[in-house]
Amino acid sequence: MQHSFMGIDHIQIAGPNGCEEEARKFYGELLGMIEIPKPENLRKRGGCWFQCGRQEIHIGVEENFTPAKKAHPGILIGNLSALRSHLEQNGVEIKKDAPIEGRIRFHIVDPFGNKVEFLEML
């Protein structure tokens, strides 16, 4: 059977109970992503959602939360050096990754300990 995959709608990153305010500060204020409303029937679960280009990043509340140190989103950005400078000016530690031909990249750790990678295609 042939499937017609269209792309990725969203990725989910987990956080601990009560993570919403810190998620809004980090993903919304620091990174500049626009928060989008969660559907009414999902709001009781906690968490918050953000627009990331044509996709979404969902921050979900996870009981017995453990940060994702290996699994991570890879977020494409148009001006990686400007983002890097902005993050460094705001005290975010930049972690280098092994080179991959055709792209430059680095990763950070979000306030909950999750790895988040940023890439720019060359």
Foldseek 3Di string as FASTA:
>chain_A
DDDDDDDAAEEEFEAAPPCAVLCCCPVPVQVPWAWDDDPPVCPVQDWTKTDQPNHIYTYGHDPVDDAAADDEEEHEDADVVVSVVSCVVVPWDWAADPDDPQKGKIWTAGPRRYIYMYIYGD
